[in-house]
Amino acid sequence: MVQMKERNSGKVFQRFTTLDIVLMAMLAAANAVMTVFLSPVNQALNGLGGPILTSTITGLYMIYGLLAYYIIRKPGTALITYGIGAVVQAFMGTAYGILSCFVAAACYLVIVEAAFALVRYKNWSLPMLLITGGAMVPLWFFFAAQMYGYTKWGIDVLLIALVVRVLSGMILCGLLVKLLGDALASSGLLRRFAVGGRAEA
């Protein structure tokens, strides 16, 4: 049972609602579909510019869990969303292997859950999202380097690829989450979620 501290309430914690679960599942499923279409893009980028150019789209693979967290704003959101995403991707198939689905998801959720726990689930600003998006990259990059032999790239290429991936995480994950979340909140579609009345400028 996952719960959260809620403002303006006598209760210390609040459980996930059915809408929360549905939204997390929808975002996880959408990510799985997007990953299928990103695979050929990734291969094309790899052919054009190797690991450096491929690294530019890293943020897109992580966005669904952080977006769910920004909208729902409850502890455990990343755990559930990335967990569902890993399972869906495993069933749909991936060019990177089933193990990568679960290892990547575990790396992402650990960082996101820790980041928002540190600010007690009260900071949803753009700087916070940018930092979180960038911070999600290094842990998975370390494991991916061992799993896929990135170490043979050489230290210079590894460092450049890492920097590019961190920037991609900040922009294509952190910044995009802020833009998408606030746009959806402004439209009224998310009025039954925490972001509906709490989106920050």
C-alpha atoms as a PDB file:
ATOM      1  CA  MET A   1       0.000   0.000   0.000  1.00  0.00           C
ATOM      2  CA  VAL A   2       1.647   3.205  -1.191  1.00  0.00           C
ATOM      3  CA  GLN A   3       0.671   6.482   0.406  1.00  0.00           C
ATOM      4  CA  MET A   4       1.711  10.105   0.506  1.00  0.00           C
ATOM      5  CA  LYS A   5       1.791  13.111   2.747  1.00  0.00           C
ATOM      6  CA  GLU A   6      -0.920  15.511   1.692  1.00  0.00           C
ATOM      7  CA  ARG A   7      -1.200  19.223   2.290  1.00  0.00           C
ATOM      8  CA  ASN A   8      -4.207  20.741   4.034  1.00  0.00           C
ATOM      9  CA  SER A   9      -5.363  17.427   5.443  1.00  0.00           C
ATOM     10  CA  GLY A  10      -5.591  15.876   8.873  1.00  0.00           C
ATOM     11  CA  LYS A  11      -4.351  12.643   7.345  1.00  0.00           C
ATOM     12  CA  VAL A  12      -0.626  12.117   7.040  1.00  0.00           C
ATOM     13  CA  PHE A  13      -0.934   9.809   4.040  1.00  0.00           C
ATOM     14  CA  GLN A  14      -3.207   9.283   1.078  1.00  0.00           C
ATOM     15  CA  ARG A  15      -3.531   6.163  -1.035  1.00  0.00           C
ATOM     16  CA  PHE A  16      -3.311   5.935  -4.793  1.00  0.00           C
ATOM     17  CA  THR A  17      -6.653   6.297  -6.521  1.00  0.00           C
ATOM     18  CA  THR A  18      -7.903   4.187  -9.400  1.00  0.00           C
ATOM     19  CA  LEU A  19      -7.288   7.161 -11.699  1.00  0.00           C
ATOM     20  CA  ASP A  20      -3.680   7.308 -10.537  1.00  0.00           C
ATOM     21  CA  ILE A  21      -3.132   3.650 -11.398  1.00  0.00           C
ATOM     22  CA  VAL A  22      -4.843   4.025 -14.765  1.00  0.00           C
ATOM     23  CA  LEU A  23      -2.709   7.044 -15.656  1.00  0.00           C
ATOM     24  CA  MET A  24       0.503   5.265 -14.677  1.00  0.00           C
ATOM     25  CA  ALA A  25      -0.466   2.234 -16.768  1.00  0.00           C
ATOM     26  CA  MET A  26      -1.374   4.415 -19.757  1.00  0.00           C
ATOM     27  CA  LEU A  27       1.937   6.286 -19.643  1.00  0.00           C
ATOM     28  CA  ALA A  28       3.869   3.029 -19.277  1.00  0.00           C
ATOM     29  CA  ALA A  29       2.053   1.520 -22.259  1.00  0.00           C
ATOM     30  CA  ALA A  30       2.588   4.669 -24.328  1.00  0.00           C
ATOM     31  CA  ASN A  31       6.286   4.520 -23.523  1.00  0.00           C
ATOM     32  CA  ALA A  32       6.501   0.906 -24.665  1.00  0.00           C
ATOM     33  CA  VAL A  33       4.947   1.858 -28.000  1.00  0.00           C
ATOM     34  CA  MET A  34       7.214   4.893 -28.323  1.00  0.00           C
ATOM     35  CA  THR A  35      10.264   2.721 -27.626  1.00  0.00           C
ATOM     36  CA  VAL A  36       9.356   0.500 -30.579  1.00  0.00           C
ATOM     37  CA  PHE A  37       9.405   3.531 -32.884  1.00  0.00           C
ATOM     38  CA  LEU A  38      12.554   4.939 -31.294  1.00  0.00           C
ATOM     39  CA  SER A  39      14.552   1.779 -32.012  1.00  0.00           C
ATOM     40  CA  PRO A  40      15.022   2.472 -35.750  1.00  0.00           C
ATOM     41  CA  VAL A  41      15.713   6.137 -34.964  1.00  0.00           C
ATOM     42  CA  ASN A  42      18.349   5.046 -32.490  1.00  0.00           C
ATOM     43  CA  GLN A  43      19.933   2.745 -35.068  1.00  0.00           C
ATOM     44  CA  ALA A  44      19.951   5.506 -37.673  1.00  0.00           C
ATOM     45  CA  LEU A  45      21.596   7.933 -35.259  1.00  0.00           C
ATOM     46  CA  ASN A  46      24.156   5.304 -34.344  1.00  0.00           C
ATOM     47  CA  GLY A  47      25.003   4.842 -38.003  1.00  0.00           C
ATOM     48  CA  LEU A  48      25.381   8.591 -38.536  1.00  0.00           C
ATOM     49  CA  GLY A  49      27.237   9.596 -35.393  1.00  0.00           C
ATOM     50  CA  GLY A  50      27.921   6.550 -33.268  1.00  0.00           C
ATOM     51  CA  PRO A  51      27.356   6.554 -29.495  1.00  0.00           C
ATOM     52  CA  ILE A  52      27.527  10.337 -29.207  1.00  0.00           C
ATOM     53  CA  LEU A  53      24.651  11.083 -31.576  1.00  0.00           C
ATOM     54  CA  THR A  54      22.649   8.155 -30.234  1.00  0.00           C
ATOM     55  CA  SER A  55      22.923   9.640 -26.752  1.00  0.00           C
ATOM     56  CA  THR A  56      20.928  12.727 -27.767  1.00  0.00           C
ATOM     57  CA  ILE A  57      17.551  10.947 -27.425  1.00  0.00           C
ATOM     58  CA  THR A  58      18.213   9.263 -24.076  1.00  0.00           C
ATOM     59  CA  GLY A  59      15.784  11.535 -22.220  1.00  0.00           C
ATOM     60  CA  LEU A  60      12.817  10.271 -24.204  1.00  0.00           C
ATOM     61  CA  TYR A  61      13.224   6.768 -22.792  1.00  0.00           C
ATOM     62  CA  MET A  62      12.870   8.050 -19.218  1.00  0.00           C
ATOM     63  CA  ILE A  63      10.129  10.644 -19.549  1.00  0.00           C
ATOM     64  CA  TYR A  64       7.039   8.553 -18.765  1.00  0.00           C
ATOM     65  CA  GLY A  65       7.868   7.824 -15.125  1.00  0.00           C
ATOM     66  CA  LEU A  66       8.895  11.378 -14.287  1.00  0.00           C
ATOM     67  CA  LEU A  67       5.790  12.737 -16.023  1.00  0.00           C
ATOM     68  CA  ALA A  68       3.615  10.415 -13.949  1.00  0.00           C
ATOM     69  CA  TYR A  69       5.336  11.651 -10.789  1.00  0.00           C
ATOM     70  CA  TYR A  70       4.877  15.298 -11.742  1.00  0.00           C
ATOM     71  CA  ILE A  71       1.177  14.752 -12.342  1.00  0.00           C
ATOM     72  CA  ILE A  72       0.350  12.452  -9.406  1.00  0.00           C
ATOM     73  CA  ARG A  73       2.892  13.654  -6.816  1.00  0.00           C
ATOM     74  CA  LYS A  74       2.760  10.641  -4.511  1.00  0.00           C
ATOM     75  CA  PRO A  75       5.638   8.520  -3.181  1.00  0.00           C
ATOM     76  CA  GLY A  76       5.947   5.252  -5.068  1.00  0.00           C
ATOM     77  CA  THR A  77       4.731   6.681  -8.378  1.00  0.00           C
ATOM     78  CA  ALA A  78       8.058   6.002 -10.072  1.00  0.00           C
ATOM     79  CA  LEU A  79       8.219   2.501  -8.619  1.00  0.00           C
ATOM     80  CA  ILE A  80       4.852   1.560 -10.056  1.00  0.00           C
ATOM     81  CA  THR A  81       5.124   3.415 -13.373  1.00  0.00           C
ATOM     82  CA  TYR A  82       8.617   2.244 -14.291  1.00  0.00           C
ATOM     83  CA  GLY A  83       7.736  -1.242 -13.029  1.00  0.00           C
ATOM     84  CA  ILE A  84       4.702  -1.455 -15.302  1.00  0.00           C
ATOM     85  CA  GLY A  85       6.743  -0.002 -18.147  1.00  0.00           C
ATOM     86  CA  ALA A  86       9.428  -2.661 -17.779  1.00  0.00           C
ATOM     87  CA  VAL A  87       6.870  -5.470 -17.835  1.00  0.00           C
ATOM     88  CA  VAL A  88       5.043  -4.063 -20.882  1.00  0.00           C
ATOM     89  CA  GLN A  89       8.306  -3.568 -22.777  1.00  0.00           C
ATOM     90  CA  ALA A  90       9.389  -7.102 -21.919  1.00  0.00           C
ATOM     91  CA  PHE A  91       6.159  -8.495 -23.369  1.00  0.00           C
ATOM     92  CA  MET A  92       6.331  -6.314 -26.482  1.00  0.00           C
ATOM     93  CA  GLY A  93       9.964  -7.169 -27.071  1.00  0.00           C
ATOM     94  CA  THR A  94      13.003  -4.934 -27.205  1.00  0.00           C
ATOM     95  CA  ALA A  95      16.147  -4.809 -29.314  1.00  0.00           C
ATOM     96  CA  TYR A  96      18.218  -4.361 -26.155  1.00  0.00           C
ATOM     97  CA  GLY A  97      17.114  -7.511 -24.339  1.00  0.00           C
ATOM     98  CA  ILE A  98      14.516  -8.151 -21.643  1.00  0.00           C
ATOM     99  CA  LEU A  99      17.031  -7.705 -18.825  1.00  0.00           C
ATOM    100  CA  SER A 100      17.684  -4.120 -19.940  1.00  0.00           C
ATOM    101  CA  CYS A 101      13.996  -3.261 -19.417  1.00  0.00           C
ATOM    102  CA  PHE A 102      14.122  -4.143 -15.739  1.00  0.00           C
ATOM    103  CA  VAL A 103      17.621  -2.886 -14.956  1.00  0.00           C
ATOM    104  CA  ALA A 104      16.951   0.490 -16.598  1.00  0.00           C
ATOM    105  CA  ALA A 105      13.585   0.812 -14.833  1.00  0.00           C
ATOM    106  CA  ALA A 106      15.188  -0.012 -11.482  1.00  0.00           C
ATOM    107  CA  CYS A 107      17.906   2.601 -12.015  1.00  0.00           C
ATOM    108  CA  TYR A 108      15.411   5.284 -12.990  1.00  0.00           C
ATOM    109  CA  LEU A 109      12.959   4.662 -10.165  1.00  0.00           C
ATOM    110  CA  VAL A 110      15.645   4.620  -7.466  1.00  0.00           C
ATOM    111  CA  ILE A 111      16.893   8.063  -8.490  1.00  0.00           C
ATOM    112  CA  VAL A 112      13.452   9.620  -8.942  1.00  0.00           C
ATOM    113  CA  GLU A 113      12.054   8.288  -5.673  1.00  0.00           C
ATOM    114  CA  ALA A 114      15.165   9.443  -3.797  1.00  0.00           C
ATOM    115  CA  ALA A 115      15.125  12.887  -5.429  1.00  0.00           C
ATOM    116  CA  PHE A 116      11.562  13.736  -4.447  1.00  0.00           C
ATOM    117  CA  ALA A 117      11.930  12.169  -1.010  1.00  0.00           C
ATOM    118  CA  LEU A 118      14.832  14.559  -0.380  1.00  0.00           C
ATOM    119  CA  VAL A 119      12.566  17.553  -1.007  1.00  0.00           C
ATOM    120  CA  ARG A 120       9.667  15.918   0.869  1.00  0.00           C
ATOM    121  CA  TYR A 121       7.486  15.897  -2.236  1.00  0.00           C
ATOM    122  CA  LYS A 122       7.077  19.675  -2.142  1.00  0.00           C
ATOM    123  CA  ASN A 123       9.352  20.905  -4.916  1.00  0.00           C
ATOM    124  CA  TRP A 124       7.942  20.492  -8.443  1.00  0.00           C
ATOM    125  CA  SER A 125       9.753  23.420 -10.041  1.00  0.00           C
ATOM    126  CA  LEU A 126      11.547  23.392 -13.381  1.00  0.00           C
ATOM    127  CA  PRO A 127      15.027  23.360 -11.770  1.00  0.00           C
ATOM    128  CA  MET A 128      14.031  20.310  -9.723  1.00  0.00           C
ATOM    129  CA  LEU A 129      12.781  18.486 -12.816  1.00  0.00           C
ATOM    130  CA  LEU A 130      15.901  19.396 -14.790  1.00  0.00           C
ATOM    131  CA  ILE A 131      18.164  18.121 -12.026  1.00  0.00           C
ATOM    132  CA  THR A 132      16.156  14.926 -11.637  1.00  0.00           C
ATOM    133  CA  GLY A 133      16.112  14.286 -15.384  1.00  0.00           C
ATOM    134  CA  GLY A 134      19.874  14.627 -15.554  1.00  0.00           C
ATOM    135  CA  ALA A 135      20.487  12.628 -12.378  1.00  0.00           C
ATOM    136  CA  MET A 136      18.586   9.638 -13.769  1.00  0.00           C
ATOM    137  CA  VAL A 137      21.249   9.045 -16.415  1.00  0.00           C
ATOM    138  CA  PRO A 138      24.558   8.056 -14.723  1.00  0.00           C
ATOM    139  CA  LEU A 139      23.378   4.968 -12.793  1.00  0.00           C
ATOM    140  CA  TRP A 140      21.823   3.295 -15.843  1.00  0.00           C
ATOM    141  CA  PHE A 141      24.766   4.415 -17.983  1.00  0.00           C
ATOM    142  CA  PHE A 142      27.119   2.541 -15.627  1.00  0.00           C
ATOM    143  CA  PHE A 143      25.133  -0.693 -15.888  1.00  0.00           C
ATOM    144  CA  ALA A 144      24.599  -0.305 -19.644  1.00  0.00           C
ATOM    145  CA  ALA A 145      28.341   0.151 -20.112  1.00  0.00           C
ATOM    146  CA  GLN A 146      28.928  -3.237 -18.503  1.00  0.00           C
ATOM    147  CA  MET A 147      26.055  -4.955 -20.297  1.00  0.00           C
ATOM    148  CA  TYR A 148      26.726  -3.653 -23.803  1.00  0.00           C
ATOM    149  CA  GLY A 149      30.478  -3.152 -23.811  1.00  0.00           C
ATOM    150  CA  TYR A 150      30.519   0.641 -23.864  1.00  0.00           C
ATOM    151  CA  THR A 151      33.899   0.468 -22.123  1.00  0.00           C
ATOM    152  CA  LYS A 152      35.574  -0.322 -25.440  1.00  0.00           C
ATOM    153  CA  TRP A 153      34.610   3.135 -26.719  1.00  0.00           C
ATOM    154  CA  GLY A 154      37.486   4.701 -24.835  1.00  0.00           C
ATOM    155  CA  ILE A 155      37.362   7.094 -21.899  1.00  0.00           C
ATOM    156  CA  ASP A 156      37.007  10.237 -24.040  1.00  0.00           C
ATOM    157  CA  VAL A 157      33.985   8.942 -25.931  1.00  0.00           C
ATOM    158  CA  LEU A 158      32.463   7.557 -22.730  1.00  0.00           C
ATOM    159  CA  LEU A 159      32.685  10.902 -20.965  1.00  0.00           C
ATOM    160  CA  ILE A 160      31.287  12.842 -23.925  1.00  0.00           C
ATOM    161  CA  ALA A 161      28.441  10.335 -24.307  1.00  0.00           C
ATOM    162  CA  LEU A 162      27.658  10.619 -20.602  1.00  0.00           C
ATOM    163  CA  VAL A 163      27.544  14.418 -20.741  1.00  0.00           C
ATOM    164  CA  VAL A 164      25.304  14.336 -23.820  1.00  0.00           C
ATOM    165  CA  ARG A 165      22.987  11.846 -22.123  1.00  0.00           C
ATOM    166  CA  VAL A 166      22.761  13.949 -18.981  1.00  0.00           C
ATOM    167  CA  LEU A 167      21.861  17.000 -21.083  1.00  0.00           C
ATOM    168  CA  SER A 168      19.313  14.909 -22.970  1.00  0.00           C
ATOM    169  CA  GLY A 169      17.850  13.771 -19.651  1.00  0.00           C
ATOM    170  CA  MET A 170      17.537  17.362 -18.504  1.00  0.00           C
ATOM    171  CA  ILE A 171      15.963  18.625 -21.727  1.00  0.00           C
ATOM    172  CA  LEU A 172      14.014  15.717 -23.257  1.00  0.00           C
ATOM    173  CA  CYS A 173      12.911  14.413 -19.874  1.00  0.00           C
ATOM    174  CA  GLY A 174      12.999  17.163 -17.232  1.00  0.00           C
ATOM    175  CA  LEU A 175      12.049  20.148 -19.383  1.00  0.00           C
ATOM    176  CA  LEU A 176       9.584  18.203 -21.505  1.00  0.00           C
ATOM    177  CA  VAL A 177       7.846  16.865 -18.391  1.00  0.00           C
ATOM    178  CA  LYS A 178       7.345  20.421 -17.151  1.00  0.00           C
ATOM    179  CA  LEU A 179       6.000  21.614 -20.500  1.00  0.00           C
ATOM    180  CA  LEU A 180       3.694  18.639 -21.045  1.00  0.00           C
ATOM    181  CA  GLY A 181       2.482  18.491 -17.458  1.00  0.00           C
ATOM    182  CA  ASP A 182       1.656  22.186 -17.260  1.00  0.00           C
ATOM    183  CA  ALA A 183       0.024  22.208 -20.697  1.00  0.00           C
ATOM    184  CA  LEU A 184      -2.228  19.288 -19.747  1.00  0.00           C
ATOM    185  CA  ALA A 185      -2.994  20.872 -16.377  1.00  0.00           C
ATOM    186  CA  SER A 186      -3.939  24.162 -18.037  1.00  0.00           C
ATOM    187  CA  SER A 187      -6.291  22.327 -20.383  1.00  0.00           C
ATOM    188  CA  GLY A 188      -8.276  21.011 -17.426  1.00  0.00           C
ATOM    189  CA  LEU A 189      -7.651  17.363 -18.290  1.00  0.00           C
ATOM    190  CA  LEU A 190      -5.737  16.794 -15.058  1.00  0.00           C
ATOM    191  CA  ARG A 191      -8.020  18.618 -12.646  1.00  0.00           C
ATOM    192  CA  ARG A 192      -8.533  15.427 -10.627  1.00  0.00           C
ATOM    193  CA  PHE A 193      -4.780  15.001 -10.108  1.00  0.00           C
ATOM    194  CA  ALA A 194      -2.408  16.878  -7.811  1.00  0.00           C
ATOM    195  CA  VAL A 195      -0.838  18.845 -10.674  1.00  0.00           C
ATOM    196  CA  GLY A 196      -4.253  20.194 -11.648  1.00  0.00           C
ATOM    197  CA  GLY A 197      -4.189  22.844  -8.961  1.00  0.00           C
ATOM    198  CA  ARG A 198      -0.538  22.899  -7.994  1.00  0.00           C
ATOM    199  CA  ALA A 199       1.495  23.337 -11.182  1.00  0.00           C
ATOM    200  CA  GLU A 200       4.259  25.853 -10.563  1.00  0.00           C
ATOM    201  CA  ALA A 201       5.431  28.527 -12.927  1.00  0.00           C
END
